[in-house]
């Protein structure tokens, strides 16, 4: 699974509507409204690297009100949730 973190600039008067439209897209797992240079951050998860082109410039960037994106592809994913699940394997409650 390939994970991309997409930083998104939007029309500020439509942030909630744009966030909902992005969150409804297949392959988008979460959308965060944030402070700072960008308005939204989307987590995109796809099976193949080529699928990122379909999701990010092909869908996210075409949503009305999206003004620009900056994409970062993750090399590895580290998660406290994943670590806890791994250590819990085989343990009975």
N, C-alpha and C. Protein backbone atom coordinates (compact mmCIF):
# COMPACT_ATOMS: atom_id res chain seq x y z
N UNK A 1 0.85 -1.17 0.00
CA UNK A 1 0.00 0.00 0.00
C UNK A 1 0.90 1.24 0.00
N UNK A 2 0.61 2.17 -0.88
CA UNK A 2 1.37 3.42 -0.97
C UNK A 2 0.55 4.52 -0.31
N UNK A 3 1.19 5.28 0.57
CA UNK A 3 0.53 6.38 1.26
C UNK A 3 1.11 7.70 0.79
N UNK A 4 0.23 8.62 0.45
CA UNK A 4 0.64 9.98 0.09
C UNK A 4 -0.05 10.96 1.01
N UNK A 5 0.71 11.95 1.44
CA UNK A 5 0.17 13.04 2.25
C UNK A 5 0.03 14.22 1.30
N UNK A 6 -1.20 14.70 1.13
CA UNK A 6 -1.47 15.75 0.15
C UNK A 6 -1.85 17.03 0.89
N UNK A 7 -1.00 18.05 0.75
CA UNK A 7 -1.26 19.36 1.34
C UNK A 7 -2.04 20.16 0.30
N UNK A 8 -3.17 20.74 0.72
CA UNK A 8 -4.11 21.34 -0.25
C UNK A 8 -4.43 22.77 0.12
N UNK A 9 -4.30 23.66 -0.86
CA UNK A 9 -4.76 25.04 -0.72
C UNK A 9 -6.13 25.13 -1.38
N UNK A 10 -7.05 25.83 -0.71
CA UNK A 10 -8.42 25.92 -1.21
C UNK A 10 -8.94 27.35 -1.13
N UNK A 11 -10.11 27.54 -1.69
CA UNK A 11 -10.86 28.78 -1.45
C UNK A 11 -11.29 28.74 0.00
N UNK A 12 -10.87 29.73 0.80
CA UNK A 12 -11.12 29.66 2.24
C UNK A 12 -12.60 29.72 2.61
N UNK A 13 -13.42 30.26 1.74
CA UNK A 13 -14.84 30.34 2.06
C UNK A 13 -15.58 29.02 1.81
N UNK A 14 -14.87 28.01 1.28
CA UNK A 14 -15.53 26.73 0.97
C UNK A 14 -14.79 25.53 1.58
N UNK A 15 -13.97 25.76 2.59
CA UNK A 15 -13.16 24.67 3.15
C UNK A 15 -14.00 23.46 3.57
N UNK A 16 -15.08 23.61 4.33
CA UNK A 16 -15.84 22.42 4.74
C UNK A 16 -16.41 21.63 3.56
N UNK A 17 -16.94 22.32 2.57
CA UNK A 17 -17.53 21.63 1.41
C UNK A 17 -16.46 20.92 0.59
N UNK A 18 -15.32 21.57 0.43
CA UNK A 18 -14.22 20.96 -0.33
C UNK A 18 -13.68 19.74 0.43
N UNK A 19 -13.52 19.87 1.73
CA UNK A 19 -13.05 18.75 2.56
C UNK A 19 -13.98 17.55 2.44
N UNK A 20 -15.28 17.79 2.48
CA UNK A 20 -16.24 16.69 2.35
C UNK A 20 -16.16 16.05 0.98
N UNK A 21 -15.98 16.84 -0.06
CA UNK A 21 -15.86 16.29 -1.42
C UNK A 21 -14.61 15.42 -1.55
N UNK A 22 -13.51 15.88 -0.97
CA UNK A 22 -12.27 15.11 -1.03
C UNK A 22 -12.41 13.83 -0.22
N UNK A 23 -12.99 13.92 0.97
CA UNK A 23 -13.15 12.75 1.83
C UNK A 23 -14.02 11.68 1.20
N UNK A 24 -14.92 12.08 0.31
CA UNK A 24 -15.82 11.12 -0.34
C UNK A 24 -15.14 10.34 -1.46
N UNK A 25 -13.94 10.76 -1.86
CA UNK A 25 -13.24 10.08 -2.95
C UNK A 25 -12.68 8.73 -2.50
N UNK A 26 -12.77 7.75 -3.38
CA UNK A 26 -12.16 6.46 -3.13
C UNK A 26 -10.65 6.67 -3.03
N UNK A 27 -10.00 5.99 -2.15
CA UNK A 27 -8.55 6.06 -1.88
C UNK A 27 -8.17 7.17 -0.92
N UNK A 28 -9.10 8.05 -0.55
CA UNK A 28 -8.81 9.08 0.45
C UNK A 28 -9.32 8.54 1.79
N UNK A 29 -8.39 8.36 2.75
CA UNK A 29 -8.80 7.77 4.03
C UNK A 29 -9.17 8.82 5.07
N UNK A 30 -8.50 9.97 5.06
CA UNK A 30 -8.81 11.05 5.99
C UNK A 30 -8.54 12.39 5.33
N UNK A 31 -9.26 13.40 5.81
CA UNK A 31 -9.00 14.78 5.42
C UNK A 31 -9.01 15.61 6.70
N UNK A 32 -7.97 16.42 6.87
CA UNK A 32 -7.84 17.26 8.06
C UNK A 32 -7.89 18.72 7.66
N UNK A 33 -8.67 19.52 8.38
CA UNK A 33 -8.65 20.96 8.23
C UNK A 33 -7.58 21.46 9.19
N UNK A 34 -6.61 22.25 8.68
CA UNK A 34 -5.45 22.62 9.47
C UNK A 34 -5.16 24.12 9.39
N UNK A 35 -4.30 24.59 10.29
CA UNK A 35 -3.84 25.97 10.25
C UNK A 35 -2.51 26.01 9.49
N UNK A 36 -2.11 27.17 9.06
CA UNK A 36 -0.83 27.31 8.40
C UNK A 36 -0.97 27.65 6.92
N UNK A 37 0.04 27.32 6.18
CA UNK A 37 0.10 27.64 4.75
C UNK A 37 -0.98 26.94 3.95
N UNK A 38 -1.31 25.73 4.35
CA UNK A 38 -2.31 24.94 3.64
C UNK A 38 -3.60 24.91 4.43
N UNK A 39 -4.70 24.63 3.74
CA UNK A 39 -6.02 24.60 4.38
C UNK A 39 -6.45 23.20 4.78
N UNK A 40 -6.05 22.22 3.97
CA UNK A 40 -6.45 20.83 4.20
C UNK A 40 -5.25 19.90 4.00
N UNK A 41 -5.27 18.77 4.70
CA UNK A 41 -4.32 17.70 4.46
C UNK A 41 -5.13 16.43 4.24
N UNK A 42 -4.85 15.75 3.13
CA UNK A 42 -5.55 14.50 2.82
C UNK A 42 -4.56 13.34 2.84
N UNK A 43 -5.00 12.22 3.38
CA UNK A 43 -4.22 10.99 3.36
C UNK A 43 -4.79 10.13 2.23
N UNK A 44 -3.93 9.82 1.28
CA UNK A 44 -4.35 9.02 0.12
C UNK A 44 -3.61 7.70 0.17
N UNK A 45 -4.34 6.60 0.04
CA UNK A 45 -3.74 5.26 0.06
C UNK A 45 -4.16 4.51 -1.20
N UNK A 46 -3.15 4.08 -1.96
CA UNK A 46 -3.41 3.37 -3.21
C UNK A 46 -2.52 2.13 -3.28
N UNK A 47 -2.86 1.22 -4.18
CA UNK A 47 -2.09 -0.02 -4.32
C UNK A 47 -0.85 0.17 -5.20
N UNK A 48 -0.95 0.98 -6.22
CA UNK A 48 0.15 1.16 -7.15
C UNK A 48 0.50 2.64 -7.25
N UNK A 49 1.77 2.89 -7.47
CA UNK A 49 2.26 4.27 -7.57
C UNK A 49 1.52 5.05 -8.65
N UNK A 50 1.23 4.40 -9.77
CA UNK A 50 0.54 5.05 -10.88
C UNK A 50 -0.86 5.54 -10.49
N UNK A 51 -1.46 4.90 -9.50
CA UNK A 51 -2.81 5.29 -9.07
C UNK A 51 -2.83 6.68 -8.43
N UNK A 52 -1.68 7.14 -7.93
CA UNK A 52 -1.64 8.47 -7.34
C UNK A 52 -2.01 9.54 -8.36
N UNK A 53 -1.58 9.35 -9.60
CA UNK A 53 -1.90 10.32 -10.65
C UNK A 53 -3.39 10.38 -10.92
N UNK A 54 -4.05 9.26 -10.81
CA UNK A 54 -5.50 9.24 -11.02
C UNK A 54 -6.23 9.96 -9.88
N UNK A 55 -5.77 9.76 -8.66
CA UNK A 55 -6.46 10.32 -7.50
C UNK A 55 -6.13 11.80 -7.29
N UNK A 56 -4.85 12.16 -7.31
CA UNK A 56 -4.47 13.52 -6.91
C UNK A 56 -4.72 14.53 -8.03
N UNK A 57 -3.97 14.51 -9.13
CA UNK A 57 -4.31 15.49 -10.18
C UNK A 57 -5.59 15.14 -10.92
N UNK A 58 -5.94 13.85 -10.95
CA UNK A 58 -7.12 13.43 -11.70
C UNK A 58 -8.45 13.70 -11.02
N UNK A 59 -8.45 13.71 -9.68
CA UNK A 59 -9.71 13.91 -8.95
C UNK A 59 -9.64 15.07 -7.96
N UNK A 60 -8.69 15.01 -7.03
CA UNK A 60 -8.61 16.05 -5.99
C UNK A 60 -8.44 17.43 -6.61
N UNK A 61 -7.49 17.57 -7.52
CA UNK A 61 -7.20 18.89 -8.10
C UNK A 61 -8.33 19.44 -8.96
N UNK A 62 -9.25 18.57 -9.37
CA UNK A 62 -10.36 19.01 -10.22
C UNK A 62 -11.60 19.40 -9.43
N UNK A 63 -11.56 19.24 -8.12
CA UNK A 63 -12.70 19.65 -7.30
C UNK A 63 -12.75 21.18 -7.28
N UNK A 64 -13.91 21.77 -7.58
CA UNK A 64 -14.02 23.23 -7.57
C UNK A 64 -13.61 23.81 -6.21
N UNK A 65 -12.72 24.79 -6.25
CA UNK A 65 -12.24 25.43 -5.03
C UNK A 65 -10.85 24.97 -4.61
N UNK A 66 -10.38 23.85 -5.17
CA UNK A 66 -9.01 23.42 -4.89
C UNK A 66 -8.08 24.28 -5.75
N UNK A 67 -7.18 25.00 -5.08
CA UNK A 67 -6.30 25.93 -5.79
C UNK A 67 -4.91 25.37 -6.05
N UNK A 68 -4.51 24.37 -5.28
CA UNK A 68 -3.20 23.77 -5.48
C UNK A 68 -2.94 22.65 -4.50
N UNK A 69 -2.01 21.76 -4.86
CA UNK A 69 -1.65 20.65 -3.98
C UNK A 69 -0.13 20.51 -3.93
N UNK A 70 0.34 19.92 -2.86
CA UNK A 70 1.74 19.58 -2.67
C UNK A 70 1.74 18.18 -2.08
N UNK A 71 2.29 17.22 -2.82
CA UNK A 71 2.18 15.81 -2.44
C UNK A 71 3.49 15.26 -1.92
N UNK A 72 3.40 14.52 -0.82
CA UNK A 72 4.55 13.84 -0.22
C UNK A 72 4.23 12.36 -0.13
N UNK A 73 5.08 11.51 -0.74
CA UNK A 73 4.87 10.07 -0.71
C UNK A 73 5.68 9.49 0.44
N UNK A 74 5.04 8.67 1.24
CA UNK A 74 5.70 8.06 2.40
C UNK A 74 6.58 6.88 1.97
N UNK A 75 7.79 6.82 2.53
CA UNK A 75 8.66 5.67 2.31
C UNK A 75 8.20 4.50 3.16
N UNK A 76 7.92 4.79 4.44
CA UNK A 76 7.46 3.79 5.40
C UNK A 76 6.41 4.44 6.29
N UNK A 77 5.61 3.59 6.90
CA UNK A 77 4.59 4.08 7.83
C UNK A 77 4.89 3.53 9.22
N UNK A 78 4.95 4.40 10.19
CA UNK A 78 5.13 4.02 11.59
C UNK A 78 3.89 4.46 12.34
N UNK A 79 3.31 3.55 13.10
CA UNK A 79 2.06 3.86 13.78
C UNK A 79 2.05 3.20 15.15
N UNK A 80 1.69 3.97 16.17
CA UNK A 80 1.57 3.40 17.50
C UNK A 80 0.51 2.31 17.52
N UNK A 81 -0.57 2.50 16.78
CA UNK A 81 -1.63 1.51 16.70
C UNK A 81 -1.08 0.19 16.16
N UNK A 82 -0.27 0.25 15.09
CA UNK A 82 0.30 -0.95 14.50
C UNK A 82 1.24 -1.66 15.47
N UNK A 83 2.04 -0.88 16.21
CA UNK A 83 2.97 -1.47 17.18
C UNK A 83 2.22 -2.18 18.30
N UNK A 84 1.16 -1.56 18.81
CA UNK A 84 0.37 -2.18 19.87
C UNK A 84 -0.26 -3.47 19.39
N UNK A 85 -0.78 -3.48 18.17
CA UNK A 85 -1.40 -4.69 17.62
C UNK A 85 -0.37 -5.81 17.45
N UNK A 86 0.83 -5.47 17.02
CA UNK A 86 1.87 -6.48 16.83
C UNK A 86 2.27 -7.12 18.16
N UNK A 87 2.40 -6.31 19.21
CA UNK A 87 2.78 -6.85 20.51
C UNK A 87 1.65 -7.63 21.17
N UNK A 88 0.43 -7.40 20.75
CA UNK A 88 -0.72 -8.07 21.34
C UNK A 88 -1.02 -9.43 20.70
N UNK A 89 -0.35 -9.76 19.61
CA UNK A 89 -0.60 -11.03 18.93
C UNK A 89 -0.31 -12.19 19.87
N UNK A 90 -1.29 -13.06 20.00
CA UNK A 90 -1.11 -14.25 20.83
C UNK A 90 -1.40 -14.06 22.30
N UNK A 91 -1.69 -12.84 22.71
CA UNK A 91 -2.00 -12.61 24.11
C UNK A 91 -3.50 -12.73 24.35
N UNK A 92 -3.85 -13.42 25.42
CA UNK A 92 -5.27 -13.52 25.78
C UNK A 92 -5.60 -12.46 26.80
N UNK A 93 -6.80 -11.90 26.68
CA UNK A 93 -7.22 -10.85 27.61
C UNK A 93 -7.65 -11.41 28.93
